[in-house]
Amino acid sequence: PPQVSFTLELEFSCSVLLDRAEVALRATSDSTEVTPQDNVVELAVPIRYEANVFLSSATNLPRYELPPPGTFTASSGPEFTTTLRV
């Protein structure tokens, strides 16, 4: 029997997170089918989201040297702002 293959690409919005995608496919023809039920398939595929993690740090210093181990205190050094965005 003849076969047809194809690729289906779906893009999903990250504002509404889904756990699966459901696809129903139906093949039709002009001829009389002996087993029409084998011309239908329903698929449920889990959706996996790829996380993009961005880590950035900001300071007004071009260079900063860390003090030797054991000499660091809570008030040592300048303030650094670190941002993590997913």
PDB file of N, CA and C in Angstrom:
ATOM      1  N   PRO A   1       0.838  -1.208   0.000  1.00  0.00           N
ATOM      2  CA  PRO A   1       0.000   0.000   0.000  1.00  0.00           C
ATOM      3  C   PRO A   1       0.869   1.253   0.000  1.00  0.00           C
ATOM      4  N   PRO A   2       0.415   2.309  -0.654  1.00  0.00           N
ATOM      5  CA  PRO A   2       1.184   3.557  -0.682  1.00  0.00           C
ATOM      6  C   PRO A   2       1.275   4.177   0.712  1.00  0.00           C
ATOM      7  N   GLN A   3       2.376   4.844   0.978  1.00  0.00           N
ATOM      8  CA  GLN A   3       2.570   5.521   2.259  1.00  0.00           C
ATOM      9  C   GLN A   3       2.963   6.963   2.018  1.00  0.00           C
ATOM     10  N   VAL A   4       2.553   7.819   2.934  1.00  0.00           N
ATOM     11  CA  VAL A   4       2.904   9.233   2.870  1.00  0.00           C
ATOM     12  C   VAL A   4       3.523   9.609   4.206  1.00  0.00           C
ATOM     13  N   SER A   5       4.628  10.323   4.163  1.00  0.00           N
ATOM     14  CA  SER A   5       5.282  10.801   5.390  1.00  0.00           C
ATOM     15  C   SER A   5       5.337  12.315   5.353  1.00  0.00           C
ATOM     16  N   PHE A   6       5.214  12.938   6.499  1.00  0.00           N
ATOM     17  CA  PHE A   6       5.353  14.377   6.595  1.00  0.00           C
ATOM     18  C   PHE A   6       5.787  14.747   7.998  1.00  0.00           C
ATOM     19  N   THR A   7       6.304  15.961   8.131  1.00  0.00           N
ATOM     20  CA  THR A   7       6.747  16.490   9.418  1.00  0.00           C
ATOM     21  C   THR A   7       5.814  17.621   9.809  1.00  0.00           C
ATOM     22  N   LEU A   8       5.383  17.603  11.043  1.00  0.00           N
ATOM     23  CA  LEU A   8       4.484  18.629  11.567  1.00  0.00           C
ATOM     24  C   LEU A   8       5.238  19.392  12.645  1.00  0.00           C
ATOM     25  N   GLU A   9       5.432  20.694  12.440  1.00  0.00           N
ATOM     26  CA  GLU A   9       6.099  21.531  13.422  1.00  0.00           C
ATOM     27  C   GLU A   9       5.069  22.443  14.067  1.00  0.00           C
ATOM     28  N   LEU A  10       5.061  22.459  15.387  1.00  0.00           N
ATOM     29  CA  LEU A  10       4.127  23.295  16.134  1.00  0.00           C
ATOM     30  C   LEU A  10       4.907  24.251  17.018  1.00  0.00           C
ATOM     31  N   GLU A  11       4.439  25.480  17.124  1.00  0.00           N
ATOM     32  CA  GLU A  11       5.029  26.446  18.040  1.00  0.00           C
ATOM     33  C   GLU A  11       3.970  26.808  19.070  1.00  0.00           C
ATOM     34  N   PHE A  12       4.395  26.844  20.329  1.00  0.00           N
ATOM     35  CA  PHE A  12       3.468  27.101  21.421  1.00  0.00           C
ATOM     36  C   PHE A  12       3.834  28.393  22.131  1.00  0.00           C
ATOM     37  N   SER A  13       2.833  29.054  22.624  1.00  0.00           N
ATOM     38  CA  SER A  13       3.037  30.282  23.380  1.00  0.00           C
ATOM     39  C   SER A  13       3.548  29.947  24.765  1.00  0.00           C
ATOM     40  N   CYS A  14       4.528  30.698  25.237  1.00  0.00           N
ATOM     41  CA  CYS A  14       5.039  30.479  26.593  1.00  0.00           C
ATOM     42  C   CYS A  14       4.173  31.171  27.641  1.00  0.00           C
ATOM     43  N   SER A  15       3.186  31.959  27.201  1.00  0.00           N
ATOM     44  CA  SER A  15       2.302  32.607  28.165  1.00  0.00           C
ATOM     45  C   SER A  15       1.229  31.643  28.669  1.00  0.00           C
ATOM     46  N   VAL A  16       0.957  30.587  27.903  1.00  0.00           N
ATOM     47  CA  VAL A  16       0.015  29.545  28.326  1.00  0.00           C
ATOM     48  C   VAL A  16       0.747  28.211  28.189  1.00  0.00           C
ATOM     49  N   LEU A  17       1.155  27.635  29.310  1.00  0.00           N
ATOM     50  CA  LEU A  17       1.925  26.396  29.278  1.00  0.00           C
ATOM     51  C   LEU A  17       0.991  25.189  29.230  1.00  0.00           C
ATOM     52  N   LEU A  18       1.213  24.332  28.256  1.00  0.00           N
ATOM     53  CA  LEU A  18       0.404  23.131  28.079  1.00  0.00           C
ATOM     54  C   LEU A  18       1.253  21.911  28.379  1.00  0.00           C
ATOM     55  N   ASP A  19       0.604  20.817  28.788  1.00  0.00           N
ATOM     56  CA  ASP A  19       1.374  19.601  29.082  1.00  0.00           C
ATOM     57  C   ASP A  19       1.419  18.637  27.903  1.00  0.00           C
ATOM     58  N   ARG A  20       0.526  18.825  26.923  1.00  0.00           N
ATOM     59  CA  ARG A  20       0.541  17.938  25.760  1.00  0.00           C
ATOM     60  C   ARG A  20      -0.121  18.611  24.556  1.00  0.00           C
ATOM     61  N   ALA A  21       0.199  18.073  23.381  1.00  0.00           N
ATOM     62  CA  ALA A  21      -0.441  18.511  22.135  1.00  0.00           C
ATOM     63  C   ALA A  21      -1.216  17.324  21.592  1.00  0.00           C
ATOM     64  N   GLU A  22      -2.434  17.564  21.163  1.00  0.00           N
ATOM     65  CA  GLU A  22      -3.269  16.511  20.596  1.00  0.00           C
ATOM     66  C   GLU A  22      -3.473  16.788  19.111  1.00  0.00           C
ATOM     67  N   VAL A  23      -3.223  15.764  18.304  1.00  0.00           N
ATOM     68  CA  VAL A  23      -3.344  15.892  16.854  1.00  0.00           C
ATOM     69  C   VAL A  23      -4.206  14.747  16.343  1.00  0.00           C
ATOM     70  N   ALA A  24      -5.173  15.066  15.501  1.00  0.00           N
ATOM     71  CA  ALA A  24      -6.009  14.041  14.861  1.00  0.00           C
ATOM     72  C   ALA A  24      -5.793  14.137  13.357  1.00  0.00           C
ATOM     73  N   LEU A  25      -5.450  13.005  12.743  1.00  0.00           N
ATOM     74  CA  LEU A  25      -5.226  12.955  11.297  1.00  0.00           C
ATOM     75  C   LEU A  25      -6.199  11.971  10.671  1.00  0.00           C
ATOM     76  N   ARG A  26      -6.753  12.368   9.508  1.00  0.00           N
ATOM     77  CA  ARG A  26      -7.703  11.513   8.799  1.00  0.00           C
ATOM     78  C   ARG A  26      -7.365  11.535   7.317  1.00  0.00           C
ATOM     79  N   ALA A  27      -7.240  10.357   6.728  1.00  0.00           N
ATOM     80  CA  ALA A  27      -6.998  10.237   5.290  1.00  0.00           C
ATOM     81  C   ALA A  27      -8.307   9.839   4.612  1.00  0.00           C
ATOM     82  N   THR A  28      -8.605  10.503   3.522  1.00  0.00           N
ATOM     83  CA  THR A  28      -9.819  10.179   2.771  1.00  0.00           C
ATOM     84  C   THR A  28      -9.449   9.885   1.319  1.00  0.00           C
ATOM     85  N   SER A  29     -10.326   9.176   0.647  1.00  0.00           N
ATOM     86  CA  SER A  29     -10.115   8.903  -0.777  1.00  0.00           C
ATOM     87  C   SER A  29     -11.473   8.792  -1.461  1.00  0.00           C
ATOM     88  N   ASP A  30     -11.464   8.830  -2.768  1.00  0.00           N
ATOM     89  CA  ASP A  30     -12.700   8.716  -3.540  1.00  0.00           C
ATOM     90  C   ASP A  30     -13.155   7.266  -3.682  1.00  0.00           C
ATOM     91  N   SER A  31     -12.281   6.322  -3.382  1.00  0.00           N
ATOM     92  CA  SER A  31     -12.635   4.904  -3.525  1.00  0.00           C
ATOM     93  C   SER A  31     -13.345   4.401  -2.266  1.00  0.00           C
ATOM     94  N   THR A  32     -13.946   3.240  -2.373  1.00  0.00           N
ATOM     95  CA  THR A  32     -14.612   2.622  -1.230  1.00  0.00           C
ATOM     96  C   THR A  32     -13.562   1.903  -0.387  1.00  0.00           C
ATOM     97  N   GLU A  33     -13.509   2.259   0.883  1.00  0.00           N
ATOM     98  CA  GLU A  33     -12.526   1.676   1.791  1.00  0.00           C
ATOM     99  C   GLU A  33     -13.078   0.420   2.437  1.00  0.00           C
ATOM    100  N   VAL A  34     -12.278  -0.638   2.470  1.00  0.00           N
ATOM    101  CA  VAL A  34     -12.675  -1.874   3.143  1.00  0.00           C
ATOM    102  C   VAL A  34     -12.605  -1.684   4.654  1.00  0.00           C
ATOM    103  N   THR A  35     -11.544  -1.010   5.136  1.00  0.00           N
ATOM    104  CA  THR A  35     -11.379  -0.741   6.570  1.00  0.00           C
ATOM    105  C   THR A  35     -11.129   0.753   6.777  1.00  0.00           C
ATOM    106  N   PRO A  36     -12.181   1.567   6.745  1.00  0.00           N
ATOM    107  CA  PRO A  36     -11.994   3.020   6.878  1.00  0.00           C
ATOM    108  C   PRO A  36     -11.443   3.437   8.241  1.00  0.00           C
ATOM    109  N   GLN A  37     -11.607   2.602   9.255  1.00  0.00           N
ATOM    110  CA  GLN A  37     -11.121   2.953  10.594  1.00  0.00           C
ATOM    111  C   GLN A  37      -9.600   3.042  10.656  1.00  0.00           C
ATOM    112  N   ASP A  38      -8.879   2.406   9.719  1.00  0.00           N
ATOM    113  CA  ASP A  38      -7.416   2.506   9.750  1.00  0.00           C
ATOM    114  C   ASP A  38      -6.914   3.759   9.033  1.00  0.00           C
ATOM    115  N   ASN A  39      -7.814   4.628   8.616  1.00  0.00           N
ATOM    116  CA  ASN A  39      -7.427   5.894   7.985  1.00  0.00           C
ATOM    117  C   ASN A  39      -7.451   7.062   8.979  1.00  0.00           C
ATOM    118  N   VAL A  40      -7.624   6.755  10.238  1.00  0.00           N
ATOM    119  CA  VAL A  40      -7.703   7.789  11.273  1.00  0.00           C
ATOM    120  C   VAL A  40      -6.702   7.455  12.371  1.00  0.00           C
ATOM    121  N   VAL A  41      -6.006   8.482  12.832  1.00  0.00           N
ATOM    122  CA  VAL A  41      -5.114   8.312  13.982  1.00  0.00           C
ATOM    123  C   VAL A  41      -5.237   9.556  14.861  1.00  0.00           C
ATOM    124  N   GLU A  42      -5.241   9.344  16.162  1.00  0.00           N
ATOM    125  CA  GLU A  42      -5.258  10.442  17.132  1.00  0.00           C
ATOM    126  C   GLU A  42      -4.044  10.286  18.024  1.00  0.00           C
ATOM    127  N   LEU A  43      -3.250  11.340  18.102  1.00  0.00           N
ATOM    128  CA  LEU A  43      -2.012  11.312  18.874  1.00  0.00           C
ATOM    129  C   LEU A  43      -2.062  12.342  19.983  1.00  0.00           C
ATOM    130  N   ALA A  44      -1.498  12.001  21.117  1.00  0.00           N
ATOM    131  CA  ALA A  44      -1.280  12.956  22.211  1.00  0.00           C
ATOM    132  C   ALA A  44       0.207  12.878  22.543  1.00  0.00           C
ATOM    133  N   VAL A  45       0.895  14.003  22.357  1.00  0.00           N
ATOM    134  CA  VAL A  45       2.343  14.042  22.539  1.00  0.00           C
ATOM    135  C   VAL A  45       2.669  14.996  23.676  1.00  0.00           C
ATOM    136  N   PRO A  46       3.507  14.567  24.643  1.00  0.00           N
ATOM    137  CA  PRO A  46       3.882  15.494  25.725  1.00  0.00           C
ATOM    138  C   PRO A  46       4.707  16.655  25.179  1.00  0.00           C
ATOM    139  N   ILE A  47       4.489  17.829  25.731  1.00  0.00           N
ATOM    140  CA  ILE A  47       5.226  19.021  25.325  1.00  0.00           C
ATOM    141  C   ILE A  47       6.357  19.240  26.315  1.00  0.00           C
ATOM    142  N   ARG A  48       7.553  19.424  25.772  1.00  0.00           N
ATOM    143  CA  ARG A  48       8.719  19.719  26.611  1.00  0.00           C
ATOM    144  C   ARG A  48       9.196  21.121  26.256  1.00  0.00           C
ATOM    145  N   TYR A  49       9.266  21.963  27.239  1.00  0.00           N
ATOM    146  CA  TYR A  49       9.704  23.340  27.020  1.00  0.00           C
ATOM    147  C   TYR A  49      11.198  23.433  27.285  1.00  0.00           C
ATOM    148  N   GLU A  50      11.895  24.119  26.406  1.00  0.00           N
ATOM    149  CA  GLU A  50      13.323  24.337  26.576  1.00  0.00           C
ATOM    150  C   GLU A  50      13.504  25.631  27.345  1.00  0.00           C
ATOM    151  N   ALA A  51      14.167  25.539  28.477  1.00  0.00           N
ATOM    152  CA  ALA A  51      14.368  26.730  29.304  1.00  0.00           C
ATOM    153  C   ALA A  51      15.552  27.530  28.796  1.00  0.00           C
ATOM    154  N   ASN A  52      15.374  28.813  28.726  1.00  0.00           N
ATOM    155  CA  ASN A  52      16.477  29.723  28.408  1.00  0.00           C
ATOM    156  C   ASN A  52      16.818  30.457  29.687  1.00  0.00           C
ATOM    157  N   VAL A  53      18.014  30.269  30.161  1.00  0.00           N
ATOM    158  CA  VAL A  53      18.453  30.896  31.408  1.00  0.00           C
ATOM    159  C   VAL A  53      19.502  31.952  31.065  1.00  0.00           C
ATOM    160  N   PHE A  54      19.256  33.164  31.504  1.00  0.00           N
ATOM    161  CA  PHE A  54      20.176  34.268  31.270  1.00  0.00           C
ATOM    162  C   PHE A  54      20.685  34.764  32.626  1.00  0.00           C
ATOM    163  N   LEU A  55      21.979  34.769  32.792  1.00  0.00           N
ATOM    164  CA  LEU A  55      22.600  35.215  34.031  1.00  0.00           C
ATOM    165  C   LEU A  55      23.456  36.427  33.703  1.00  0.00           C
ATOM    166  N   SER A  56      23.214  37.535  34.403  1.00  0.00           N
ATOM    167  CA  SER A  56      24.005  38.735  34.156  1.00  0.00           C
ATOM    168  C   SER A  56      24.358  39.372  35.486  1.00  0.00           C
ATOM    169  N   SER A  57      25.452  40.081  35.485  1.00  0.00           N
ATOM    170  CA  SER A  57      25.917  40.750  36.685  1.00  0.00           C
ATOM    171  C   SER A  57      26.352  42.157  36.317  1.00  0.00           C
ATOM    172  N   ALA A  58      26.085  43.092  37.200  1.00  0.00           N
ATOM    173  CA  ALA A  58      26.433  44.486  36.926  1.00  0.00           C
ATOM    174  C   ALA A  58      27.165  45.090  38.115  1.00  0.00           C
ATOM    175  N   THR A  59      28.183  45.859  37.813  1.00  0.00           N
ATOM    176  CA  THR A  59      28.914  46.617  38.828  1.00  0.00           C
ATOM    177  C   THR A  59      29.546  47.815  38.138  1.00  0.00           C
ATOM    178  N   ASN A  60      29.930  48.800  38.920  1.00  0.00           N
ATOM    179  CA  ASN A  60      30.574  49.967  38.321  1.00  0.00           C
ATOM    180  C   ASN A  60      32.098  49.854  38.400  1.00  0.00           C
ATOM    181  N   LEU A  61      32.606  48.711  38.836  1.00  0.00           N
ATOM    182  CA  LEU A  61      34.056  48.514  38.937  1.00  0.00           C
ATOM    183  C   LEU A  61      34.587  47.746  37.733  1.00  0.00           C
ATOM    184  N   PRO A  62      35.704  48.176  37.150  1.00  0.00           N
ATOM    185  CA  PRO A  62      36.279  47.415  36.052  1.00  0.00           C
ATOM    186  C   PRO A  62      37.005  46.168  36.549  1.00  0.00           C
ATOM    187  N   ARG A  63      37.403  46.174  37.855  1.00  0.00           N
ATOM    188  CA  ARG A  63      38.158  45.045  38.414  1.00  0.00           C
ATOM    189  C   ARG A  63      37.941  44.997  39.917  1.00  0.00           C
ATOM    190  N   TYR A  64      37.868  43.776  40.467  1.00  0.00           N
ATOM    191  CA  TYR A  64      37.745  43.617  41.912  1.00  0.00           C
ATOM    192  C   TYR A  64      38.485  42.351  42.327  1.00  0.00           C
ATOM    193  N   GLU A  65      39.354  42.465  43.306  1.00  0.00           N
ATOM    194  CA  GLU A  65      40.108  41.322  43.801  1.00  0.00           C
ATOM    195  C   GLU A  65      39.475  40.839  45.094  1.00  0.00           C
ATOM    196  N   LEU A  66      39.298  39.536  45.187  1.00  0.00           N
ATOM    197  CA  LEU A  66      38.728  38.939  46.397  1.00  0.00           C
ATOM    198  C   LEU A  66      39.779  38.879  47.489  1.00  0.00           C
ATOM    199  N   PRO A  67      39.371  39.103  48.744  1.00  0.00           N
ATOM    200  CA  PRO A  67      40.322  39.002  49.850  1.00  0.00           C
ATOM    201  C   PRO A  67      40.719  37.537  50.071  1.00  0.00           C
ATOM    202  N   PRO A  68      41.840  37.301  50.749  1.00  0.00           N
ATOM    203  CA  PRO A  68      42.276  35.921  51.017  1.00  0.00           C
ATOM    204  C   PRO A  68      41.223  35.162  51.825  1.00  0.00           C
ATOM    205  N   PRO A  69      41.172  33.823  51.695  1.00  0.00           N
ATOM    206  CA  PRO A  69      40.215  33.011  52.462  1.00  0.00           C
ATOM    207  C   PRO A  69      40.344  33.285  53.964  1.00  0.00           C
ATOM    208  N   GLY A  70      39.212  33.350  54.632  1.00  0.00           N
ATOM    209  CA  GLY A  70      39.185  33.571  56.078  1.00  0.00           C
ATOM    210  C   GLY A  70      39.171  35.031  56.475  1.00  0.00           C
ATOM    211  N   THR A  71      39.384  35.962  55.528  1.00  0.00           N
ATOM    212  CA  THR A  71      39.375  37.389  55.862  1.00  0.00           C
ATOM    213  C   THR A  71      38.115  38.090  55.378  1.00  0.00           C
ATOM    214  N   PHE A  72      37.219  37.356  54.740  1.00  0.00           N
ATOM    215  CA  PHE A  72      35.998  37.949  54.195  1.00  0.00           C
ATOM    216  C   PHE A  72      34.988  38.199  55.304  1.00  0.00           C
ATOM    217  N   THR A  73      34.394  39.389  55.310  1.00  0.00           N
ATOM    218  CA  THR A  73      33.315  39.712  56.245  1.00  0.00           C
ATOM    219  C   THR A  73      32.096  40.132  55.439  1.00  0.00           C
ATOM    220  N   ALA A  74      30.950  40.206  56.102  1.00  0.00           N
ATOM    221  CA  ALA A  74      29.700  40.541  55.420  1.00  0.00           C
ATOM    222  C   ALA A  74      29.751  41.926  54.795  1.00  0.00           C
ATOM    223  N   SER A  75      30.562  42.822  55.327  1.00  0.00           N
ATOM    224  CA  SER A  75      30.614  44.183  54.783  1.00  0.00           C
ATOM    225  C   SER A  75      31.775  44.382  53.813  1.00  0.00           C
ATOM    226  N   SER A  76      32.500  43.328  53.502  1.00  0.00           N
ATOM    227  CA  SER A  76      33.650  43.455  52.607  1.00  0.00           C
ATOM    228  C   SER A  76      33.219  43.688  51.164  1.00  0.00           C
ATOM    229  N   GLY A  77      33.886  44.595  50.505  1.00  0.00           N
ATOM    230  CA  GLY A  77      33.743  44.755  49.067  1.00  0.00           C
ATOM    231  C   GLY A  77      32.530  45.535  48.612  1.00  0.00           C
ATOM    232  N   PRO A  78      32.502  45.787  47.307  1.00  0.00           N
ATOM    233  CA  PRO A  78      31.412  46.558  46.708  1.00  0.00           C
ATOM    234  C   PRO A  78      30.174  45.679  46.478  1.00  0.00           C
ATOM    235  N   GLU A  79      29.089  46.325  46.137  1.00  0.00           N
ATOM    236  CA  GLU A  79      27.852  45.601  45.854  1.00  0.00           C
ATOM    237  C   GLU A  79      27.804  45.216  44.384  1.00  0.00           C
ATOM    238  N   PHE A  80      27.429  43.957  44.126  1.00  0.00           N
ATOM    239  CA  PHE A  80      27.243  43.455  42.775  1.00  0.00           C
ATOM    240  C   PHE A  80      25.773  43.106  42.605  1.00  0.00           C
ATOM    241  N   THR A  81      25.199  43.443  41.476  1.00  0.00           N
ATOM    242  CA  THR A  81      23.815  43.088  41.181  1.00  0.00           C
ATOM    243  C   THR A  81      23.823  41.938  40.174  1.00  0.00           C
ATOM    244  N   THR A  82      23.249  40.799  40.570  1.00  0.00           N
ATOM    245  CA  THR A  82      23.188  39.647  39.694  1.00  0.00           C
ATOM    246  C   THR A  82      21.735  39.352  39.381  1.00  0.00           C
ATOM    247  N   THR A  83      21.447  39.132  38.108  1.00  0.00           N
ATOM    248  CA  THR A  83      20.073  38.887  37.662  1.00  0.00           C
ATOM    249  C   THR A  83      19.998  37.520  36.982  1.00  0.00           C
ATOM    250  N   LEU A  84      19.016  36.743  37.370  1.00  0.00           N
ATOM    251  CA  LEU A  84      18.751  35.453  36.749  1.00  0.00           C
ATOM    252  C   LEU A  84      17.381  35.541  36.100  1.00  0.00           C
ATOM    253  N   ARG A  85      17.326  35.300  34.773  1.00  0.00           N
ATOM    254  CA  ARG A  85      16.060  35.386  34.056  1.00  0.00           C
ATOM    255  C   ARG A  85      15.827  34.066  33.333  1.00  0.00           C
ATOM    256  N   VAL A  86      14.660  33.483  33.551  1.00  0.00           N
ATOM    257  CA  VAL A  86      14.303  32.221  32.898  1.00  0.00           C
ATOM    258  C   VAL A  86      13.234  32.500  31.872  1.00  0.00           C
TER     259      VAL A  86
END
